[in-house]
Amino acid sequence: MGLAGVSIADGLTVEDLLPDRRTPEDLTLHYQFGDVRVPAVLRNLTPDEVDVAARWAQGAGTWAESALGVGLPASRGDRVRRKLHRLGARQVERAAAAGVSR
């Protein structure tokens, strides 16, 4: 899409006007192929937590804003962030113990 970054008016680009048809599932699948550790971590999240994480990964702003964006209280965003950090660290430890690298 060669014209996507072309400015059309008042700081808007063609890309700003195009709909983003990706779903949270699309984004999750994209990351699953990039790093085999991701599915192991995501399996430990509730569907609501996956939605918050996917929204944050899309660049929705802060974790609180990501939670609000999926209809959850802002406090859930930081809770998801902490849980992902904890699960990620556990996954790294398990992979190291098993001798698996990225």
Protein backbone atom coordinates (compact mmCIF):
# COMPACT_ATOMS: atom_id res chain seq x y z
CA MET A 1 0.00 0.00 0.00
CA GLY A 2 2.21 2.78 -1.27
CA LEU A 3 -0.21 5.62 -0.56
CA ALA A 4 -0.99 4.74 3.05
CA GLY A 5 1.43 7.28 4.51
CA VAL A 6 0.51 10.11 2.14
CA SER A 7 -0.76 13.20 3.97
CA ILE A 8 -4.17 14.34 2.76
CA ALA A 9 -5.24 17.11 5.15
CA ASP A 10 -4.59 18.51 8.61
CA GLY A 11 -2.09 15.80 9.55
CA LEU A 12 -4.34 12.97 8.34
CA THR A 13 -2.97 10.27 6.10
CA VAL A 14 -4.72 7.85 3.79
CA GLU A 15 -3.98 5.14 6.36
CA ASP A 16 -5.98 7.05 8.99
CA LEU A 17 -9.09 6.65 6.86
CA LEU A 18 -8.72 2.93 6.21
CA PRO A 19 -10.57 0.58 8.57
CA ASP A 20 -8.47 -1.80 10.64
CA ARG A 21 -10.14 -5.14 10.12
CA ARG A 22 -7.82 -7.05 12.43
CA THR A 23 -9.45 -8.72 15.40
CA PRO A 24 -7.79 -9.44 18.75
CA GLU A 25 -7.59 -13.05 17.60
CA ASP A 26 -5.68 -12.00 14.46
CA LEU A 27 -3.17 -10.13 16.59
CA THR A 28 -2.79 -13.03 18.97
CA LEU A 29 -2.17 -15.45 16.11
CA HIS A 30 0.43 -13.10 14.68
CA TYR A 31 2.40 -13.15 17.92
CA GLN A 32 2.03 -16.90 18.34
CA PHE A 33 4.04 -17.50 15.21
CA GLY A 34 6.74 -15.04 16.21
CA ASP A 35 7.56 -16.51 19.61
CA VAL A 36 6.66 -20.01 20.78
CA ARG A 37 6.51 -18.83 24.40
CA VAL A 38 3.54 -16.55 23.80
CA PRO A 39 0.85 -19.26 23.50
CA ALA A 40 2.02 -20.81 26.76
CA VAL A 41 1.53 -17.49 28.52
CA LEU A 42 -1.77 -16.59 26.82
CA ARG A 43 -3.31 -19.94 27.77
CA ASN A 44 -3.16 -18.78 31.39
CA LEU A 45 -5.26 -15.65 30.77
CA THR A 46 -9.01 -15.34 30.89
CA PRO A 47 -10.74 -14.18 27.68
CA ASP A 48 -11.17 -10.70 29.23
CA GLU A 49 -7.46 -10.56 30.04
CA VAL A 50 -6.56 -11.60 26.49
CA ASP A 51 -8.77 -8.78 25.20
CA VAL A 52 -6.99 -6.24 27.39
CA ALA A 53 -3.55 -7.52 26.36
CA ALA A 54 -4.50 -7.51 22.67
CA ARG A 55 -5.81 -3.97 22.91
CA TRP A 56 -2.63 -2.83 24.63
CA ALA A 57 -0.55 -4.61 21.95
CA GLN A 58 -2.50 -2.67 19.30
CA GLY A 59 -1.26 0.56 20.86
CA ALA A 60 -4.41 1.54 22.75
CA GLY A 61 -2.37 3.55 25.24
CA THR A 62 -1.90 2.63 28.87
CA TRP A 63 -3.00 -0.62 30.43
CA ALA A 64 -5.81 1.26 32.15
CA GLU A 65 -6.99 2.69 28.82
CA SER A 66 -6.81 -0.78 27.28
CA ALA A 67 -9.03 -2.19 30.02
CA LEU A 68 -11.52 0.66 29.65
CA GLY A 69 -11.51 0.09 25.89
CA VAL A 70 -12.85 -3.43 26.33
CA GLY A 71 -15.43 -2.42 28.93
CA LEU A 72 -13.52 -3.35 32.07
CA PRO A 73 -12.53 -1.16 35.04
CA ALA A 74 -9.26 0.70 34.57
CA SER A 75 -7.72 -1.18 37.51
CA ARG A 76 -7.97 -4.44 35.55
CA GLY A 77 -5.41 -3.13 33.06
CA ASP A 78 -2.61 -2.98 35.59
CA ARG A 79 -3.71 -6.33 36.99
CA VAL A 80 -3.33 -7.87 33.50
CA ARG A 81 0.09 -6.21 33.09
CA ARG A 82 1.31 -7.67 36.39
CA LYS A 83 -0.10 -11.10 35.56
CA LEU A 84 1.59 -11.12 32.15
CA HIS A 85 4.87 -10.10 33.74
CA ARG A 86 4.58 -12.90 36.31
CA LEU A 87 3.56 -15.51 33.71
CA GLY A 88 6.30 -14.40 31.33
CA ALA A 89 8.95 -14.69 34.02
CA ARG A 90 7.67 -18.15 34.92
CA GLN A 91 7.80 -19.20 31.27
CA VAL A 92 11.39 -17.96 30.92
CA GLU A 93 12.37 -19.90 34.06
CA ARG A 94 10.75 -23.08 32.77
CA ALA A 95 12.36 -22.74 29.36
CA ALA A 96 15.77 -22.17 30.95
CA ALA A 97 15.32 -25.22 33.17
CA ALA A 98 14.39 -27.29 30.13
CA GLY A 99 17.31 -25.92 28.12
CA VAL A 100 15.01 -24.31 25.55
CA SER A 101 15.89 -21.00 23.98
CA ARG A 102 13.92 -18.64 21.83
